[in-house]
């Protein structure tokens, strides 16, 4: 099959890779129909964050059709349309036993340590497949990043059946920040603001029905203690440090973006104590794909607009080599006919 293949750290090539002759027990062969590019893909596979295994086919945000099943798989049928949960926890460590499978000490993942979605086919454990019904494949491939935002909201206490934030702000108008903001709206949040320094991205966010603000501006920094929920989706330490002052008394700050591992920020512990602030972290997804699929099915099309590029594999390769310079580039996907 044709695939993007990382033959080593920072070394992606377009290659022909043979499919294995037989499926392992418990597995399915997926014909990939849509696979999204995440900057985590680029950072991990270029050795800037976390660890991978090489050689590997990248891609942990993908959906497709079941092409074949191992003889022992009875829970699915050939031809069913599915999305993939890429995380492969060990199931036995302390975190897994507590239900925090995303914090597994031996966490593996399709597209990181196991071949993922940037190939024509992918071999996946059947218990990591989720039916998508008639949801379009490009929308279904958003289930994984959306599930990450839902895990973040859950960690921050924003869950179904509770009072949603009344005035929320998300820093970062890239695809994941916009998914976070739209997830907040889907959860019933009142006013949701997206903050960024890029005017084009702010205009796009406004067109999605989100309130906007210029990150670092006087008009925003003057809104001290004004937001009951503040989230960072930039991974910029300076943004994280300054956003704490925007959290209202008793409010929550969510560290969702991936800051450099060695970065530090200054936070006044007295402020956290006196104003009873909650500072929460979130990593990856934790079995949130079914909820994400339901939100995508109910979405009015705004989340689907985050996919700016639908490309064949041959045109995907350059995006693994350099970050897009065009601010209009949002979510890039490999799609097959």
C-alpha atoms as a PDB file:
ATOM      1  CA  UNK A   1       0.000   0.000   0.000  1.00  0.00           C
ATOM      2  CA  UNK A   2       1.001   3.632  -0.405  1.00  0.00           C
ATOM      3  CA  UNK A   3       1.730   5.487   2.844  1.00  0.00           C
ATOM      4  CA  UNK A   4       3.618   8.282   4.529  1.00  0.00           C
ATOM      5  CA  UNK A   5       6.428   6.463   6.301  1.00  0.00           C
ATOM      6  CA  UNK A   6       8.719   7.902   8.966  1.00  0.00           C
ATOM      7  CA  UNK A   7      11.867   5.860   8.502  1.00  0.00           C
ATOM      8  CA  UNK A   8      13.474   7.689  11.427  1.00  0.00           C
ATOM      9  CA  UNK A   9      13.004  10.776  13.576  1.00  0.00           C
ATOM     10  CA  UNK A  10      12.175  13.697  11.288  1.00  0.00           C
ATOM     11  CA  UNK A  11      12.477  11.561   8.148  1.00  0.00           C
ATOM     12  CA  UNK A  12       9.103  11.156   6.390  1.00  0.00           C
ATOM     13  CA  UNK A  13       8.931   9.640   2.911  1.00  0.00           C
ATOM     14  CA  UNK A  14       6.163   8.530   0.568  1.00  0.00           C
ATOM     15  CA  UNK A  15       6.576   4.765   0.306  1.00  0.00           C
ATOM     16  CA  UNK A  16       5.035   1.502  -0.795  1.00  0.00           C
ATOM     17  CA  UNK A  17       4.587  -0.759   2.242  1.00  0.00           C
ATOM     18  CA  UNK A  18       3.434  -4.372   1.956  1.00  0.00           C
ATOM     19  CA  UNK A  19       0.306  -5.418   3.831  1.00  0.00           C
ATOM     20  CA  UNK A  20       0.702  -8.378   6.157  1.00  0.00           C
ATOM     21  CA  UNK A  21      -0.672 -11.667   4.866  1.00  0.00           C
ATOM     22  CA  UNK A  22      -2.897 -12.437   7.861  1.00  0.00           C
ATOM     23  CA  UNK A  23      -4.641 -10.277  10.421  1.00  0.00           C
ATOM     24  CA  UNK A  24      -3.663 -10.848  14.059  1.00  0.00           C
ATOM     25  CA  UNK A  25      -6.416 -12.117  16.332  1.00  0.00           C
ATOM     26  CA  UNK A  26      -8.781  -9.382  17.458  1.00  0.00           C
ATOM     27  CA  UNK A  27      -7.843  -7.002  14.658  1.00  0.00           C
ATOM     28  CA  UNK A  28      -9.481  -5.407  11.623  1.00  0.00           C
ATOM     29  CA  UNK A  29      -8.071  -4.124   8.365  1.00  0.00           C
ATOM     30  CA  UNK A  30      -9.335  -0.575   7.822  1.00  0.00           C
ATOM     31  CA  UNK A  31      -9.455   1.169   4.482  1.00  0.00           C
ATOM     32  CA  UNK A  32      -8.581   4.698   5.543  1.00  0.00           C
ATOM     33  CA  UNK A  33     -10.953   7.286   4.082  1.00  0.00           C
ATOM     34  CA  UNK A  34      -9.895  10.386   6.037  1.00  0.00           C
ATOM     35  CA  UNK A  35      -6.926  11.078   8.305  1.00  0.00           C
ATOM     36  CA  UNK A  36      -6.124  14.405   9.965  1.00  0.00           C
ATOM     37  CA  UNK A  37      -2.723  15.945  10.562  1.00  0.00           C
ATOM     38  CA  UNK A  38      -2.046  17.080  14.130  1.00  0.00           C
ATOM     39  CA  UNK A  39       0.911  19.218  15.164  1.00  0.00           C
ATOM     40  CA  UNK A  40       1.528  16.633  17.863  1.00  0.00           C
ATOM     41  CA  UNK A  41       2.247  14.245  14.976  1.00  0.00           C
ATOM     42  CA  UNK A  42       4.947  16.590  13.747  1.00  0.00           C
ATOM     43  CA  UNK A  43       6.431  17.359  17.174  1.00  0.00           C
ATOM     44  CA  UNK A  44       6.568  13.733  18.320  1.00  0.00           C
ATOM     45  CA  UNK A  45       7.830  12.357  15.033  1.00  0.00           C
ATOM     46  CA  UNK A  46      10.491  15.055  14.819  1.00  0.00           C
ATOM     47  CA  UNK A  47      11.677  14.319  18.350  1.00  0.00           C
ATOM     48  CA  UNK A  48      10.522  17.586  19.939  1.00  0.00           C
ATOM     49  CA  UNK A  49       7.996  16.067  22.359  1.00  0.00           C
ATOM     50  CA  UNK A  50       7.320  12.585  23.695  1.00  0.00           C
ATOM     51  CA  UNK A  51       8.671   9.477  21.998  1.00  0.00           C
ATOM     52  CA  UNK A  52       7.817   7.368  18.996  1.00  0.00           C
ATOM     53  CA  UNK A  53       8.923   4.115  17.397  1.00  0.00           C
ATOM     54  CA  UNK A  54      10.432   3.970  13.940  1.00  0.00           C
ATOM     55  CA  UNK A  55       9.758   3.117  11.242  1.00  0.00           C
ATOM     56  CA  UNK A  56       6.096   4.105  11.590  1.00  0.00           C
ATOM     57  CA  UNK A  57       3.129   5.318   9.559  1.00  0.00           C
ATOM     58  CA  UNK A  58       1.863   8.488  11.291  1.00  0.00           C
ATOM     59  CA  UNK A  59      -1.724   9.567  11.803  1.00  0.00           C
ATOM     60  CA  UNK A  60      -3.845   9.186  14.941  1.00  0.00           C
ATOM     61  CA  UNK A  61      -6.979  11.046  13.761  1.00  0.00           C
ATOM     62  CA  UNK A  62      -8.671   8.775  11.266  1.00  0.00           C
ATOM     63  CA  UNK A  63     -11.831   7.114  10.023  1.00  0.00           C
ATOM     64  CA  UNK A  64     -12.638   4.589   7.341  1.00  0.00           C
ATOM     65  CA  UNK A  65     -14.336   1.337   6.381  1.00  0.00           C
ATOM     66  CA  UNK A  66     -13.693  -2.182   7.607  1.00  0.00           C
ATOM     67  CA  UNK A  67     -12.083  -4.089   4.752  1.00  0.00           C
ATOM     68  CA  UNK A  68     -11.449  -7.395   6.549  1.00  0.00           C
ATOM     69  CA  UNK A  69     -11.719  -8.931  10.007  1.00  0.00           C
ATOM     70  CA  UNK A  70      -9.745 -11.543  11.897  1.00  0.00           C
ATOM     71  CA  UNK A  71     -11.682 -14.803  12.283  1.00  0.00           C
ATOM     72  CA  UNK A  72     -12.286 -14.222  16.011  1.00  0.00           C
ATOM     73  CA  UNK A  73     -13.877 -10.762  15.634  1.00  0.00           C
ATOM     74  CA  UNK A  74     -17.665 -10.988  15.859  1.00  0.00           C
ATOM     75  CA  UNK A  75     -18.546  -7.477  17.045  1.00  0.00           C
ATOM     76  CA  UNK A  76     -18.179  -5.832  13.609  1.00  0.00           C
ATOM     77  CA  UNK A  77     -18.909  -6.619   9.989  1.00  0.00           C
ATOM     78  CA  UNK A  78     -16.966  -5.944   6.816  1.00  0.00           C
ATOM     79  CA  UNK A  79     -18.099  -2.655   5.261  1.00  0.00           C
ATOM     80  CA  UNK A  80     -18.993  -0.882   8.499  1.00  0.00           C
ATOM     81  CA  UNK A  81     -17.956   2.762   8.784  1.00  0.00           C
ATOM     82  CA  UNK A  82     -15.810   3.499  11.817  1.00  0.00           C
ATOM     83  CA  UNK A  83     -13.567   5.980  13.633  1.00  0.00           C
ATOM     84  CA  UNK A  84     -10.442   4.872  15.488  1.00  0.00           C
ATOM     85  CA  UNK A  85      -9.473   5.452  19.113  1.00  0.00           C
ATOM     86  CA  UNK A  86      -5.682   5.542  18.721  1.00  0.00           C
ATOM     87  CA  UNK A  87      -4.578   5.210  22.356  1.00  0.00           C
ATOM     88  CA  UNK A  88      -3.209   1.806  23.379  1.00  0.00           C
ATOM     89  CA  UNK A  89      -2.925   1.718  27.193  1.00  0.00           C
ATOM     90  CA  UNK A  90      -1.486  -1.275  29.027  1.00  0.00           C
ATOM     91  CA  UNK A  91      -4.625  -1.726  31.155  1.00  0.00           C
ATOM     92  CA  UNK A  92      -2.699  -2.830  34.255  1.00  0.00           C
ATOM     93  CA  UNK A  93      -0.680   0.125  35.584  1.00  0.00           C
ATOM     94  CA  UNK A  94      -1.942   2.301  38.453  1.00  0.00           C
ATOM     95  CA  UNK A  95      -3.322   4.984  36.109  1.00  0.00           C
ATOM     96  CA  UNK A  96      -5.165   2.445  33.965  1.00  0.00           C
ATOM     97  CA  UNK A  97      -6.681   0.824  37.053  1.00  0.00           C
ATOM     98  CA  UNK A  98      -7.964   4.259  38.116  1.00  0.00           C
ATOM     99  CA  UNK A  99      -9.586   4.789  34.722  1.00  0.00           C
ATOM    100  CA  UNK A 100      -6.955   7.300  33.593  1.00  0.00           C
ATOM    101  CA  UNK A 101      -5.889   5.303  30.559  1.00  0.00           C
ATOM    102  CA  UNK A 102      -4.517   8.453  28.882  1.00  0.00           C
ATOM    103  CA  UNK A 103      -1.916   8.624  31.671  1.00  0.00           C
ATOM    104  CA  UNK A 104      -0.801   5.011  31.235  1.00  0.00           C
ATOM    105  CA  UNK A 105       2.874   4.618  32.069  1.00  0.00           C
ATOM    106  CA  UNK A 106       3.325   2.432  28.987  1.00  0.00           C
ATOM    107  CA  UNK A 107       0.964   4.326  26.669  1.00  0.00           C
ATOM    108  CA  UNK A 108       1.289   3.485  22.992  1.00  0.00           C
ATOM    109  CA  UNK A 109      -0.762   4.831  20.081  1.00  0.00           C
ATOM    110  CA  UNK A 110      -1.589   4.252  16.447  1.00  0.00           C
ATOM    111  CA  UNK A 111       0.340   6.798  14.434  1.00  0.00           C
ATOM    112  CA  UNK A 112       3.018   7.164  17.115  1.00  0.00           C
ATOM    113  CA  UNK A 113       4.291   3.728  18.120  1.00  0.00           C
ATOM    114  CA  UNK A 114       2.084   1.647  15.798  1.00  0.00           C
ATOM    115  CA  UNK A 115       1.254   2.275  12.143  1.00  0.00           C
ATOM    116  CA  UNK A 116      -1.619   4.756  11.866  1.00  0.00           C
ATOM    117  CA  UNK A 117      -3.848   6.528   9.394  1.00  0.00           C
ATOM    118  CA  UNK A 118      -1.599   8.105   6.776  1.00  0.00           C
ATOM    119  CA  UNK A 119      -1.681   5.029   4.604  1.00  0.00           C
ATOM    120  CA  UNK A 120      -4.266   3.493   2.332  1.00  0.00           C
ATOM    121  CA  UNK A 121      -4.929   0.801   4.965  1.00  0.00           C
ATOM    122  CA  UNK A 122      -4.426   0.389   8.705  1.00  0.00           C
ATOM    123  CA  UNK A 123      -4.517  -2.688  10.946  1.00  0.00           C
ATOM    124  CA  UNK A 124      -6.360  -1.786  14.160  1.00  0.00           C
ATOM    125  CA  UNK A 125      -7.586  -3.655  17.217  1.00  0.00           C
ATOM    126  CA  UNK A 126     -11.333  -4.144  16.816  1.00  0.00           C
ATOM    127  CA  UNK A 127     -12.007  -2.913  20.348  1.00  0.00           C
ATOM    128  CA  UNK A 128     -10.601   0.466  19.288  1.00  0.00           C
ATOM    129  CA  UNK A 129     -13.207   0.975  16.567  1.00  0.00           C
ATOM    130  CA  UNK A 130     -16.376   3.033  16.939  1.00  0.00           C
ATOM    131  CA  UNK A 131     -19.276   3.055  14.500  1.00  0.00           C
ATOM    132  CA  UNK A 132     -20.016   6.416  12.863  1.00  0.00           C
ATOM    133  CA  UNK A 133     -23.206   5.566  10.964  1.00  0.00           C
ATOM    134  CA  UNK A 134     -23.661   7.925   8.013  1.00  0.00           C
ATOM    135  CA  UNK A 135     -21.374  10.631   9.404  1.00  0.00           C
ATOM    136  CA  UNK A 136     -19.054  11.844   6.647  1.00  0.00           C
ATOM    137  CA  UNK A 137     -15.539  10.439   6.943  1.00  0.00           C
ATOM    138  CA  UNK A 138     -13.849  13.847   7.053  1.00  0.00           C
ATOM    139  CA  UNK A 139     -16.084  14.819   9.977  1.00  0.00           C
ATOM    140  CA  UNK A 140     -15.549  11.477  11.690  1.00  0.00           C
ATOM    141  CA  UNK A 141     -11.775  12.011  11.506  1.00  0.00           C
ATOM    142  CA  UNK A 142     -12.333  15.013  13.795  1.00  0.00           C
ATOM    143  CA  UNK A 143     -13.555  12.669  16.543  1.00  0.00           C
ATOM    144  CA  UNK A 144     -10.074  12.151  18.005  1.00  0.00           C
ATOM    145  CA  UNK A 145      -9.092  15.841  18.421  1.00  0.00           C
ATOM    146  CA  UNK A 146     -12.625  16.621  19.580  1.00  0.00           C
ATOM    147  CA  UNK A 147     -12.343  13.808  22.131  1.00  0.00           C
ATOM    148  CA  UNK A 148      -9.149  15.425  23.425  1.00  0.00           C
ATOM    149  CA  UNK A 149     -11.014  18.678  24.056  1.00  0.00           C
ATOM    150  CA  UNK A 150     -13.826  16.761  25.755  1.00  0.00           C
ATOM    151  CA  UNK A 151     -11.302  15.070  28.026  1.00  0.00           C
ATOM    152  CA  UNK A 152      -9.964  18.513  28.896  1.00  0.00           C
ATOM    153  CA  UNK A 153     -13.431  19.819  29.694  1.00  0.00           C
ATOM    154  CA  UNK A 154     -14.127  16.758  31.821  1.00  0.00           C
ATOM    155  CA  UNK A 155     -10.872  17.296  33.741  1.00  0.00           C
ATOM    156  CA  UNK A 156     -11.945  20.908  34.305  1.00  0.00           C
ATOM    157  CA  UNK A 157     -15.345  19.841  35.610  1.00  0.00           C
ATOM    158  CA  UNK A 158     -17.330  20.850  32.511  1.00  0.00           C
ATOM    159  CA  UNK A 159     -19.510  17.766  32.137  1.00  0.00           C
ATOM    160  CA  UNK A 160     -23.060  17.062  31.052  1.00  0.00           C
ATOM    161  CA  UNK A 161     -25.610  17.766  33.762  1.00  0.00           C
ATOM    162  CA  UNK A 162     -23.573  20.459  35.527  1.00  0.00           C
ATOM    163  CA  UNK A 163     -23.681  24.227  35.247  1.00  0.00           C
ATOM    164  CA  UNK A 164     -21.578  25.163  32.180  1.00  0.00           C
ATOM    165  CA  UNK A 165     -19.285  28.207  32.223  1.00  0.00           C
ATOM    166  CA  UNK A 166     -21.102  31.484  31.782  1.00  0.00           C
ATOM    167  CA  UNK A 167     -18.139  33.416  30.386  1.00  0.00           C
ATOM    168  CA  UNK A 168     -15.316  31.365  28.858  1.00  0.00           C
ATOM    169  CA  UNK A 169     -12.228  32.259  26.872  1.00  0.00           C
ATOM    170  CA  UNK A 170      -9.881  30.013  24.882  1.00  0.00           C
ATOM    171  CA  UNK A 171      -6.441  31.194  23.794  1.00  0.00           C
ATOM    172  CA  UNK A 172      -5.437  29.975  20.342  1.00  0.00           C
ATOM    173  CA  UNK A 173      -7.595  30.123  17.205  1.00  0.00           C
ATOM    174  CA  UNK A 174      -6.037  27.110  15.551  1.00  0.00           C
ATOM    175  CA  UNK A 175      -8.068  23.961  14.880  1.00  0.00           C
ATOM    176  CA  UNK A 176      -7.772  22.549  18.408  1.00  0.00           C
ATOM    177  CA  UNK A 177      -8.550  25.876  20.098  1.00  0.00           C
ATOM    178  CA  UNK A 178     -11.593  26.335  17.892  1.00  0.00           C
ATOM    179  CA  UNK A 179     -12.725  22.779  18.642  1.00  0.00           C
ATOM    180  CA  UNK A 180     -12.384  23.580  22.342  1.00  0.00           C
ATOM    181  CA  UNK A 181     -14.463  26.745  21.944  1.00  0.00           C
ATOM    182  CA  UNK A 182     -17.137  24.972  19.893  1.00  0.00           C
ATOM    183  CA  UNK A 183     -17.146  22.119  22.434  1.00  0.00           C
ATOM    184  CA  UNK A 184     -17.859  24.661  25.167  1.00  0.00           C
ATOM    185  CA  UNK A 185     -20.798  25.946  23.147  1.00  0.00           C
ATOM    186  CA  UNK A 186     -22.004  22.380  22.613  1.00  0.00           C
ATOM    187  CA  UNK A 187     -21.875  21.929  26.393  1.00  0.00           C
ATOM    188  CA  UNK A 188     -24.110  24.975  26.866  1.00  0.00           C
ATOM    189  CA  UNK A 189     -21.552  27.627  27.830  1.00  0.00           C
ATOM    190  CA  UNK A 190     -22.813  31.192  27.776  1.00  0.00           C
ATOM    191  CA  UNK A 191     -20.347  33.573  26.106  1.00  0.00           C
ATOM    192  CA  UNK A 192     -17.341  31.894  24.486  1.00  0.00           C
ATOM    193  CA  UNK A 193     -14.434  34.088  23.363  1.00  0.00           C
ATOM    194  CA  UNK A 194     -11.474  32.990  21.266  1.00  0.00           C
ATOM    195  CA  UNK A 195      -8.228  34.954  21.628  1.00  0.00           C
ATOM    196  CA  UNK A 196      -5.350  35.081  19.157  1.00  0.00           C
ATOM    197  CA  UNK A 197      -2.924  37.538  17.559  1.00  0.00           C
ATOM    198  CA  UNK A 198      -3.724  36.499  13.982  1.00  0.00           C
ATOM    199  CA  UNK A 199      -6.412  38.687  12.432  1.00  0.00           C
ATOM    200  CA  UNK A 200      -7.331  36.150   9.743  1.00  0.00           C
ATOM    201  CA  UNK A 201      -7.914  33.421  12.302  1.00  0.00           C
ATOM    202  CA  UNK A 202      -9.923  35.766  14.500  1.00  0.00           C
ATOM    203  CA  UNK A 203     -12.099  36.659  11.502  1.00  0.00           C
ATOM    204  CA  UNK A 204     -12.663  32.954  10.849  1.00  0.00           C
ATOM    205  CA  UNK A 205     -13.570  32.399  14.509  1.00  0.00           C
ATOM    206  CA  UNK A 206     -16.023  35.289  14.371  1.00  0.00           C
ATOM    207  CA  UNK A 207     -17.617  33.750  11.281  1.00  0.00           C
ATOM    208  CA  UNK A 208     -18.094  30.567  13.328  1.00  0.00           C
ATOM    209  CA  UNK A 209     -20.183  32.550  15.807  1.00  0.00           C
ATOM    210  CA  UNK A 210     -17.518  33.009  18.469  1.00  0.00           C
ATOM    211  CA  UNK A 211     -16.673  36.243  20.226  1.00  0.00           C
ATOM    212  CA  UNK A 212     -13.070  37.281  19.577  1.00  0.00           C
ATOM    213  CA  UNK A 213     -10.291  39.161  21.357  1.00  0.00           C
ATOM    214  CA  UNK A 214      -6.722  40.071  20.511  1.00  0.00           C
ATOM    215  CA  UNK A 215      -4.354  38.147  22.766  1.00  0.00           C
ATOM    216  CA  UNK A 216      -2.109  40.473  24.758  1.00  0.00           C
ATOM    217  CA  UNK A 217      -4.181  43.561  24.005  1.00  0.00           C
ATOM    218  CA  UNK A 218      -4.984  46.146  26.670  1.00  0.00           C
ATOM    219  CA  UNK A 219      -8.714  45.581  26.188  1.00  0.00           C
ATOM    220  CA  UNK A 220      -8.276  41.916  27.074  1.00  0.00           C
ATOM    221  CA  UNK A 221      -5.717  42.266  29.864  1.00  0.00           C
ATOM    222  CA  UNK A 222      -7.946  44.861  31.503  1.00  0.00           C
ATOM    223  CA  UNK A 223     -10.635  42.184  32.006  1.00  0.00           C
ATOM    224  CA  UNK A 224      -9.034  40.925  35.208  1.00  0.00           C
ATOM    225  CA  UNK A 225     -10.959  38.170  36.998  1.00  0.00           C
ATOM    226  CA  UNK A 226     -13.690  38.301  34.328  1.00  0.00           C
ATOM    227  CA  UNK A 227     -13.881  34.695  33.066  1.00  0.00           C
ATOM    228  CA  UNK A 228     -15.077  31.667  34.995  1.00  0.00           C
ATOM    229  CA  UNK A 229     -13.265  29.365  32.552  1.00  0.00           C
ATOM    230  CA  UNK A 230      -9.958  30.117  30.795  1.00  0.00           C
ATOM    231  CA  UNK A 231      -8.136  27.616  28.580  1.00  0.00           C
ATOM    232  CA  UNK A 232      -4.825  27.726  26.749  1.00  0.00           C
ATOM    233  CA  UNK A 233      -4.599  25.954  23.407  1.00  0.00           C
ATOM    234  CA  UNK A 234      -1.412  27.668  22.237  1.00  0.00           C
ATOM    235  CA  UNK A 235       1.287  25.918  24.257  1.00  0.00           C
ATOM    236  CA  UNK A 236       2.984  29.304  24.703  1.00  0.00           C
ATOM    237  CA  UNK A 237       4.231  29.681  28.294  1.00  0.00           C
ATOM    238  CA  UNK A 238       3.819  33.483  28.306  1.00  0.00           C
ATOM    239  CA  UNK A 239       0.154  33.051  27.394  1.00  0.00           C
ATOM    240  CA  UNK A 240      -0.350  30.511  30.176  1.00  0.00           C
ATOM    241  CA  UNK A 241       1.252  32.824  32.717  1.00  0.00           C
ATOM    242  CA  UNK A 242      -0.833  35.863  31.813  1.00  0.00           C
ATOM    243  CA  UNK A 243      -4.153  34.045  31.470  1.00  0.00           C
ATOM    244  CA  UNK A 244      -4.306  33.195  35.183  1.00  0.00           C
ATOM    245  CA  UNK A 245      -5.090  36.833  35.985  1.00  0.00           C
ATOM    246  CA  UNK A 246      -8.208  36.622  33.815  1.00  0.00           C
ATOM    247  CA  UNK A 247      -9.777  33.831  35.891  1.00  0.00           C
ATOM    248  CA  UNK A 248     -12.533  35.011  38.213  1.00  0.00           C
ATOM    249  CA  UNK A 249     -12.631  34.051  41.877  1.00  0.00           C
ATOM    250  CA  UNK A 250     -13.473  30.365  42.136  1.00  0.00           C
ATOM    251  CA  UNK A 251     -12.882  29.885  38.417  1.00  0.00           C
ATOM    252  CA  UNK A 252     -10.874  27.364  36.414  1.00  0.00           C
ATOM    253  CA  UNK A 253      -7.771  27.595  34.244  1.00  0.00           C
ATOM    254  CA  UNK A 254      -7.168  24.684  31.864  1.00  0.00           C
ATOM    255  CA  UNK A 255      -3.667  24.019  30.538  1.00  0.00           C
ATOM    256  CA  UNK A 256      -4.519  22.233  27.303  1.00  0.00           C
ATOM    257  CA  UNK A 257      -1.834  23.352  24.833  1.00  0.00           C
ATOM    258  CA  UNK A 258       1.501  21.537  24.726  1.00  0.00           C
ATOM    259  CA  UNK A 259       4.138  23.825  26.227  1.00  0.00           C
ATOM    260  CA  UNK A 260       7.828  22.934  25.783  1.00  0.00           C
ATOM    261  CA  UNK A 261       8.729  20.291  28.387  1.00  0.00           C
ATOM    262  CA  UNK A 262      11.388  22.460  30.057  1.00  0.00           C
ATOM    263  CA  UNK A 263       9.302  25.674  30.127  1.00  0.00           C
ATOM    264  CA  UNK A 264       8.293  27.308  33.403  1.00  0.00           C
ATOM    265  CA  UNK A 265       5.814  30.023  34.336  1.00  0.00           C
ATOM    266  CA  UNK A 266       5.421  32.208  37.419  1.00  0.00           C
ATOM    267  CA  UNK A 267       2.179  31.803  39.368  1.00  0.00           C
ATOM    268  CA  UNK A 268       1.443  33.447  42.715  1.00  0.00           C
ATOM    269  CA  UNK A 269       0.346  30.654  45.073  1.00  0.00           C
ATOM    270  CA  UNK A 270      -1.335  33.168  47.358  1.00  0.00           C
ATOM    271  CA  UNK A 271      -3.640  34.140  44.487  1.00  0.00           C
ATOM    272  CA  UNK A 272      -4.545  30.503  43.904  1.00  0.00           C
ATOM    273  CA  UNK A 273      -5.224  30.083  47.626  1.00  0.00           C
ATOM    274  CA  UNK A 274      -7.031  33.350  48.294  1.00  0.00           C
ATOM    275  CA  UNK A 275      -9.202  33.289  45.183  1.00  0.00           C
ATOM    276  CA  UNK A 276      -9.777  29.524  45.294  1.00  0.00           C
ATOM    277  CA  UNK A 277      -8.633  28.994  41.726  1.00  0.00           C
ATOM    278  CA  UNK A 278      -8.543  25.633  40.001  1.00  0.00           C
ATOM    279  CA  UNK A 279      -5.567  25.043  37.688  1.00  0.00           C
ATOM    280  CA  UNK A 280      -6.126  21.883  35.681  1.00  0.00           C
ATOM    281  CA  UNK A 281      -4.058  19.947  33.175  1.00  0.00           C
ATOM    282  CA  UNK A 282      -5.275  17.660  30.423  1.00  0.00           C
ATOM    283  CA  UNK A 283      -3.505  15.121  28.238  1.00  0.00           C
ATOM    284  CA  UNK A 284      -4.826  13.368  25.150  1.00  0.00           C
ATOM    285  CA  UNK A 285      -8.198  11.594  25.164  1.00  0.00           C
ATOM    286  CA  UNK A 286      -9.630   9.035  27.551  1.00  0.00           C
ATOM    287  CA  UNK A 287     -12.268   6.880  25.858  1.00  0.00           C
ATOM    288  CA  UNK A 288     -14.161   9.988  24.689  1.00  0.00           C
ATOM    289  CA  UNK A 289     -14.630   8.965  21.039  1.00  0.00           C
ATOM    290  CA  UNK A 290     -18.322   7.908  21.343  1.00  0.00           C
ATOM    291  CA  UNK A 291     -19.263  11.257  22.895  1.00  0.00           C
ATOM    292  CA  UNK A 292     -17.274  13.081  20.214  1.00  0.00           C
ATOM    293  CA  UNK A 293     -19.101  11.199  17.452  1.00  0.00           C
ATOM    294  CA  UNK A 294     -22.469  12.181  18.919  1.00  0.00           C
ATOM    295  CA  UNK A 295     -21.438  15.848  19.069  1.00  0.00           C
ATOM    296  CA  UNK A 296     -20.208  15.713  15.473  1.00  0.00           C
ATOM    297  CA  UNK A 297     -23.505  14.196  14.353  1.00  0.00           C
ATOM    298  CA  UNK A 298     -25.400  17.036  16.047  1.00  0.00           C
ATOM    299  CA  UNK A 299     -23.034  19.756  14.817  1.00  0.00           C
ATOM    300  CA  UNK A 300     -24.476  22.332  12.446  1.00  0.00           C
ATOM    301  CA  UNK A 301     -21.469  22.169  10.132  1.00  0.00           C
ATOM    302  CA  UNK A 302     -19.180  24.582  11.936  1.00  0.00           C
ATOM    303  CA  UNK A 303     -16.798  21.894  13.142  1.00  0.00           C
ATOM    304  CA  UNK A 304     -16.576  20.487   9.614  1.00  0.00           C
ATOM    305  CA  UNK A 305     -15.419  23.929   8.419  1.00  0.00           C
ATOM    306  CA  UNK A 306     -12.223  23.441  10.408  1.00  0.00           C
ATOM    307  CA  UNK A 307     -11.026  21.062   7.665  1.00  0.00           C
ATOM    308  CA  UNK A 308      -9.382  23.475   5.243  1.00  0.00           C
ATOM    309  CA  UNK A 309      -7.472  20.968   3.096  1.00  0.00           C
ATOM    310  CA  UNK A 310      -8.535  17.531   1.829  1.00  0.00           C
ATOM    311  CA  UNK A 311      -5.572  16.096  -0.073  1.00  0.00           C
ATOM    312  CA  UNK A 312      -4.176  12.874  -1.552  1.00  0.00           C
ATOM    313  CA  UNK A 313      -1.168  11.300   0.163  1.00  0.00           C
ATOM    314  CA  UNK A 314       1.262  12.728  -2.387  1.00  0.00           C
ATOM    315  CA  UNK A 315       0.295  16.267  -1.401  1.00  0.00           C
ATOM    316  CA  UNK A 316       0.320  15.580   2.357  1.00  0.00           C
ATOM    317  CA  UNK A 317       4.048  14.858   2.640  1.00  0.00           C
ATOM    318  CA  UNK A 318       5.221  18.530   2.612  1.00  0.00           C
ATOM    319  CA  UNK A 319       3.077  19.249   5.684  1.00  0.00           C
ATOM    320  CA  UNK A 320       5.169  16.768   7.676  1.00  0.00           C
ATOM    321  CA  UNK A 321       8.315  18.674   6.742  1.00  0.00           C
ATOM    322  CA  UNK A 322       7.306  22.247   7.568  1.00  0.00           C
ATOM    323  CA  UNK A 323       4.561  24.055   9.421  1.00  0.00           C
ATOM    324  CA  UNK A 324       2.000  25.752   7.141  1.00  0.00           C
ATOM    325  CA  UNK A 325       2.790  29.440   6.583  1.00  0.00           C
ATOM    326  CA  UNK A 326      -0.683  30.302   5.330  1.00  0.00           C
ATOM    327  CA  UNK A 327      -2.900  31.403   8.261  1.00  0.00           C
ATOM    328  CA  UNK A 328      -5.928  30.121   6.336  1.00  0.00           C
ATOM    329  CA  UNK A 329      -4.603  26.577   6.770  1.00  0.00           C
ATOM    330  CA  UNK A 330      -6.545  24.881   9.525  1.00  0.00           C
ATOM    331  CA  UNK A 331      -7.018  21.103   9.678  1.00  0.00           C
ATOM    332  CA  UNK A 332      -5.211  19.252   6.876  1.00  0.00           C
ATOM    333  CA  UNK A 333      -6.562  15.810   6.003  1.00  0.00           C
ATOM    334  CA  UNK A 334      -5.593  12.945   3.742  1.00  0.00           C
ATOM    335  CA  UNK A 335      -8.776  11.753   2.043  1.00  0.00           C
ATOM    336  CA  UNK A 336      -9.317   8.865  -0.354  1.00  0.00           C
ATOM    337  CA  UNK A 337     -12.141   8.394  -2.835  1.00  0.00           C
END
